[in-house]
PDB file of all heavy atoms in Angstrom:
ATOM      1  N   GLY A   1       0.735  -1.240   0.116  1.00  0.00           N
ATOM      2  CA  GLY A   1      -0.069  -0.026   0.054  1.00  0.00           C
ATOM      3  C   GLY A   1       0.665   1.256   0.038  1.00  0.00           C
ATOM      4  O   GLY A   1       0.240   2.315  -0.250  1.00  0.00           O
ATOM      5  N   ASP A   2       2.147   1.132   0.260  1.00  0.00           N
ATOM      6  CA  ASP A   2       3.054   2.396   0.274  1.00  0.00           C
ATOM      7  C   ASP A   2       3.241   2.802  -1.235  1.00  0.00           C
ATOM      8  O   ASP A   2       3.028   2.131  -2.216  1.00  0.00           O
ATOM      9  CB  ASP A   2       4.356   2.093   0.887  1.00  0.00           C
ATOM     10  CG  ASP A   2       4.302   1.727   2.360  1.00  0.00           C
ATOM     11  OD1 ASP A   2       3.166   1.910   2.904  1.00  0.00           O
ATOM     12  OD2 ASP A   2       5.346   1.379   3.000  1.00  0.00           O
ATOM     13  N   ILE A   3       3.462   4.126  -1.259  1.00  0.00           N
ATOM     14  CA  ILE A   3       3.796   4.663  -2.601  1.00  0.00           C
ATOM     15  C   ILE A   3       5.175   5.336  -2.612  1.00  0.00           C
ATOM     16  O   ILE A   3       5.323   6.315  -1.768  1.00  0.00           O
ATOM     17  CB  ILE A   3       2.608   5.746  -3.058  1.00  0.00           C
ATOM     18  CG1 ILE A   3       1.374   5.060  -3.298  1.00  0.00           C
ATOM     19  CG2 ILE A   3       3.114   6.366  -4.328  1.00  0.00           C
ATOM     20  CD1 ILE A   3       0.212   5.902  -3.744  1.00  0.00           C
ATOM     21  N   GLY A   4       6.087   5.042  -3.613  1.00  0.00           N
ATOM     22  CA  GLY A   4       7.209   5.757  -3.711  1.00  0.00           C
ATOM     23  C   GLY A   4       7.439   6.219  -5.098  1.00  0.00           C
ATOM     24  O   GLY A   4       6.455   6.044  -5.841  1.00  0.00           O
ATOM     25  N   GLY A   5       8.675   6.774  -5.393  1.00  0.00           N
ATOM     26  CA  GLY A   5       8.894   7.088  -6.809  1.00  0.00           C
ATOM     27  C   GLY A   5       8.506   8.682  -7.108  1.00  0.00           C
ATOM     28  O   GLY A   5       8.653   9.475  -6.187  1.00  0.00           O
ATOM     29  N   ALA A   6       8.025   8.759  -8.255  1.00  0.00           N
ATOM     30  CA  ALA A   6       7.737  10.078  -8.751  1.00  0.00           C
ATOM     31  C   ALA A   6       6.528  11.023  -8.223  1.00  0.00           C
ATOM     32  O   ALA A   6       6.516  12.083  -8.479  1.00  0.00           O
ATOM     33  CB  ALA A   6       7.514   9.913 -10.272  1.00  0.00           C
ATOM     34  N   ALA A   7       5.822  10.456  -7.347  1.00  0.00           N
ATOM     35  CA  ALA A   7       4.572  11.139  -6.759  1.00  0.00           C
ATOM     36  C   ALA A   7       5.016  12.380  -6.028  1.00  0.00           C
ATOM     37  O   ALA A   7       4.275  13.241  -5.973  1.00  0.00           O
ATOM     38  CB  ALA A   7       3.685  10.204  -5.951  1.00  0.00           C
ATOM     39  N   ALA A   8       6.093  12.391  -5.287  1.00  0.00           N
ATOM     40  CA  ALA A   8       6.455  13.430  -4.403  1.00  0.00           C
ATOM     41  C   ALA A   8       7.971  13.432  -4.130  1.00  0.00           C
ATOM     42  O   ALA A   8       8.685  12.443  -4.264  1.00  0.00           O
ATOM     43  CB  ALA A   8       5.731  13.354  -3.206  1.00  0.00           C
ATOM     44  N   TYR A   9       8.552  14.671  -3.832  1.00  0.00           N
ATOM     45  CA  TYR A   9       9.962  14.691  -3.435  1.00  0.00           C
ATOM     46  C   TYR A   9      10.063  15.805  -2.316  1.00  0.00           C
ATOM     47  O   TYR A   9       9.167  16.663  -2.147  1.00  0.00           O
ATOM     48  CB  TYR A   9      10.846  15.002  -4.543  1.00  0.00           C
ATOM     49  CG  TYR A   9      10.763  16.370  -5.114  1.00  0.00           C
ATOM     50  CD1 TYR A   9      11.380  17.470  -4.633  1.00  0.00           C
ATOM     51  CD2 TYR A   9      10.052  16.457  -6.386  1.00  0.00           C
ATOM     52  CE1 TYR A   9      11.187  18.668  -5.429  1.00  0.00           C
ATOM     53  CE2 TYR A   9       9.847  17.740  -6.914  1.00  0.00           C
ATOM     54  CZ  TYR A   9      10.429  18.760  -6.480  1.00  0.00           C
ATOM     55  OH  TYR A   9      10.292  20.023  -6.899  1.00  0.00           O
ATOM     56  N   ALA A  10      11.125  15.680  -1.644  1.00  0.00           N
ATOM     57  CA  ALA A  10      11.324  16.712  -0.417  1.00  0.00           C
ATOM     58  C   ALA A  10      11.790  18.043  -1.038  1.00  0.00           C
ATOM     59  O   ALA A  10      12.785  18.149  -1.814  1.00  0.00           O
ATOM     60  CB  ALA A  10      12.580  16.179   0.457  1.00  0.00           C
ATOM     61  N   PHE A  11      10.899  19.028  -0.657  1.00  0.00           N
ATOM     62  CA  PHE A  11      11.146  20.403  -1.032  1.00  0.00           C
ATOM     63  C   PHE A  11      12.154  20.992  -0.180  1.00  0.00           C
ATOM     64  O   PHE A  11      12.946  21.986  -0.714  1.00  0.00           O
ATOM     65  CB  PHE A  11       9.738  21.099  -0.998  1.00  0.00           C
ATOM     66  CG  PHE A  11       9.905  22.382  -1.727  1.00  0.00           C
ATOM     67  CD1 PHE A  11       9.849  22.566  -3.121  1.00  0.00           C
ATOM     68  CD2 PHE A  11       9.756  23.628  -1.071  1.00  0.00           C
ATOM     69  CE1 PHE A  11       9.856  23.780  -3.692  1.00  0.00           C
ATOM     70  CE2 PHE A  11       9.861  24.921  -1.641  1.00  0.00           C
ATOM     71  CZ  PHE A  11       9.861  24.893  -3.067  1.00  0.00           C
ATOM     72  N   ALA A  12      12.273  20.562   1.026  1.00  0.00           N
ATOM     73  CA  ALA A  12      13.257  21.061   1.984  1.00  0.00           C
ATOM     74  C   ALA A  12      13.768  19.827   2.774  1.00  0.00           C
ATOM     75  O   ALA A  12      13.138  18.866   2.885  1.00  0.00           O
ATOM     76  CB  ALA A  12      12.643  22.129   2.873  1.00  0.00           C
ATOM     77  N   ALA A  13      14.956  19.940   3.359  1.00  0.00           N
ATOM     78  CA  ALA A  13      15.518  18.952   4.142  1.00  0.00           C
ATOM     79  C   ALA A  13      14.722  18.812   5.527  1.00  0.00           C
ATOM     80  O   ALA A  13      14.252  19.856   6.004  1.00  0.00           O
ATOM     81  CB  ALA A  13      16.993  19.202   4.418  1.00  0.00           C
ATOM     82  N   ALA A  14      14.829  17.693   6.113  1.00  0.00           N
ATOM     83  CA  ALA A  14      14.254  17.520   7.506  1.00  0.00           C
ATOM     84  C   ALA A  14      14.945  16.445   8.108  1.00  0.00           C
ATOM     85  O   ALA A  14      15.050  15.360   7.508  1.00  0.00           O
ATOM     86  CB  ALA A  14      12.670  17.248   7.521  1.00  0.00           C
ATOM     87  N   GLY A  15      15.521  16.680   9.366  1.00  0.00           N
ATOM     88  CA  GLY A  15      16.336  15.677   9.942  1.00  0.00           C
ATOM     89  C   GLY A  15      15.528  14.816  11.155  1.00  0.00           C
ATOM     90  O   GLY A  15      14.451  14.948  11.242  1.00  0.00           O
ATOM     91  N   ASN A  16      16.275  13.989  11.842  1.00  0.00           N
ATOM     92  CA  ASN A  16      15.840  13.182  12.800  1.00  0.00           C
ATOM     93  C   ASN A  16      15.174  14.004  13.818  1.00  0.00           C
ATOM     94  O   ASN A  16      15.797  15.086  14.337  1.00  0.00           O
ATOM     95  CB  ASN A  16      16.902  12.452  13.343  1.00  0.00           C
ATOM     96  CG  ASN A  16      16.551  11.377  14.405  1.00  0.00           C
ATOM     97  OD1 ASN A  16      15.486  11.088  14.709  1.00  0.00           O
ATOM     98  ND2 ASN A  16      17.507  10.719  15.003  1.00  0.00           N
ATOM     99  N   GLY A  17      13.947  13.705  14.253  1.00  0.00           N
ATOM    100  CA  GLY A  17      13.260  14.482  15.286  1.00  0.00           C
ATOM    101  C   GLY A  17      12.251  15.347  14.765  1.00  0.00           C
ATOM    102  O   GLY A  17      11.167  15.709  15.328  1.00  0.00           O
ATOM    103  N   ALA A  18      12.296  15.744  13.482  1.00  0.00           N
ATOM    104  CA  ALA A  18      11.350  16.567  12.861  1.00  0.00           C
ATOM    105  C   ALA A  18      10.020  15.737  12.603  1.00  0.00           C
ATOM    106  O   ALA A  18      10.221  14.489  12.168  1.00  0.00           O
ATOM    107  CB  ALA A  18      11.777  17.163  11.476  1.00  0.00           C
ATOM    108  N   THR A  19       8.900  16.206  12.761  1.00  0.00           N
ATOM    109  CA  THR A  19       7.585  15.603  12.638  1.00  0.00           C
ATOM    110  C   THR A  19       6.949  15.948  11.426  1.00  0.00           C
ATOM    111  O   THR A  19       5.909  15.287  10.939  1.00  0.00           O
ATOM    112  CB  THR A  19       6.638  15.777  13.857  1.00  0.00           C
ATOM    113  OG1 THR A  19       6.414  17.222  13.974  1.00  0.00           O
ATOM    114  CG2 THR A  19       7.361  15.261  15.212  1.00  0.00           C
ATOM    115  N   THR A  20       7.324  17.033  10.686  1.00  0.00           N
ATOM    116  CA  THR A  20       6.769  17.393   9.384  1.00  0.00           C
ATOM    117  C   THR A  20       7.803  17.672   8.350  1.00  0.00           C
ATOM    118  O   THR A  20       8.900  17.760   8.776  1.00  0.00           O
ATOM    119  CB  THR A  20       5.939  18.655   9.566  1.00  0.00           C
ATOM    120  OG1 THR A  20       6.867  19.783  10.003  1.00  0.00           O
ATOM    121  CG2 THR A  20       4.733  18.531  10.535  1.00  0.00           C
ATOM    122  N   LEU A  21       7.383  17.799   7.153  1.00  0.00           N
ATOM    123  CA  LEU A  21       8.468  17.937   5.980  1.00  0.00           C
ATOM    124  C   LEU A  21       7.655  18.682   4.984  1.00  0.00           C
ATOM    125  O   LEU A  21       6.405  18.601   4.685  1.00  0.00           O
ATOM    126  CB  LEU A  21       8.753  16.435   5.502  1.00  0.00           C
ATOM    127  CG  LEU A  21       9.428  16.302   4.200  1.00  0.00           C
ATOM    128  CD1 LEU A  21      10.874  16.863   4.346  1.00  0.00           C
ATOM    129  CD2 LEU A  21       9.555  14.892   3.768  1.00  0.00           C
ATOM    130  N   GLN A  22       8.378  19.642   4.240  1.00  0.00           N
ATOM    131  CA  GLN A  22       7.815  20.290   3.003  1.00  0.00           C
ATOM    132  C   GLN A  22       7.961  19.351   1.908  1.00  0.00           C
ATOM    133  O   GLN A  22       9.131  18.903   1.563  1.00  0.00           O
ATOM    134  CB  GLN A  22       8.425  21.576   2.795  1.00  0.00           C
ATOM    135  CG  GLN A  22       8.101  22.701   3.864  1.00  0.00           C
ATOM    136  CD  GLN A  22       8.749  23.960   3.559  1.00  0.00           C
ATOM    137  OE1 GLN A  22       9.095  24.303   2.345  1.00  0.00           O
ATOM    138  NE2 GLN A  22       8.839  24.887   4.363  1.00  0.00           N
ATOM    139  N   VAL A  23       6.824  19.019   1.316  1.00  0.00           N
ATOM    140  CA  VAL A  23       6.917  18.126   0.127  1.00  0.00           C
ATOM    141  C   VAL A  23       6.347  18.689  -1.068  1.00  0.00           C
ATOM    142  O   VAL A  23       5.301  19.462  -0.958  1.00  0.00           O
ATOM    143  CB  VAL A  23       6.037  16.859   0.583  1.00  0.00           C
ATOM    144  CG1 VAL A  23       5.858  15.885  -0.681  1.00  0.00           C
ATOM    145  CG2 VAL A  23       6.805  16.108   1.663  1.00  0.00           C
ATOM    146  N   LYS A  24       6.896  18.435  -2.204  1.00  0.00           N
ATOM    147  CA  LYS A  24       6.408  18.797  -3.563  1.00  0.00           C
ATOM    148  C   LYS A  24       5.716  17.684  -4.170  1.00  0.00           C
ATOM    149  O   LYS A  24       6.229  16.708  -4.373  1.00  0.00           O
ATOM    150  CB  LYS A  24       7.494  19.305  -4.409  1.00  0.00           C
ATOM    151  CG  LYS A  24       7.227  19.505  -5.943  1.00  0.00           C
ATOM    152  CD  LYS A  24       6.248  20.673  -6.180  1.00  0.00           C
ATOM    153  CE  LYS A  24       6.155  20.835  -7.740  1.00  0.00           C
ATOM    154  NZ  LYS A  24       4.971  21.155  -8.142  1.00  0.00           N
TER     155      LYS A  24
END
């Protein structure tokens, strides 16, 4: 059920401990 590949990429970096991420 997971989705990888071309659907999205990291718009900004996010390290260990971060609970959110900017995604394109």
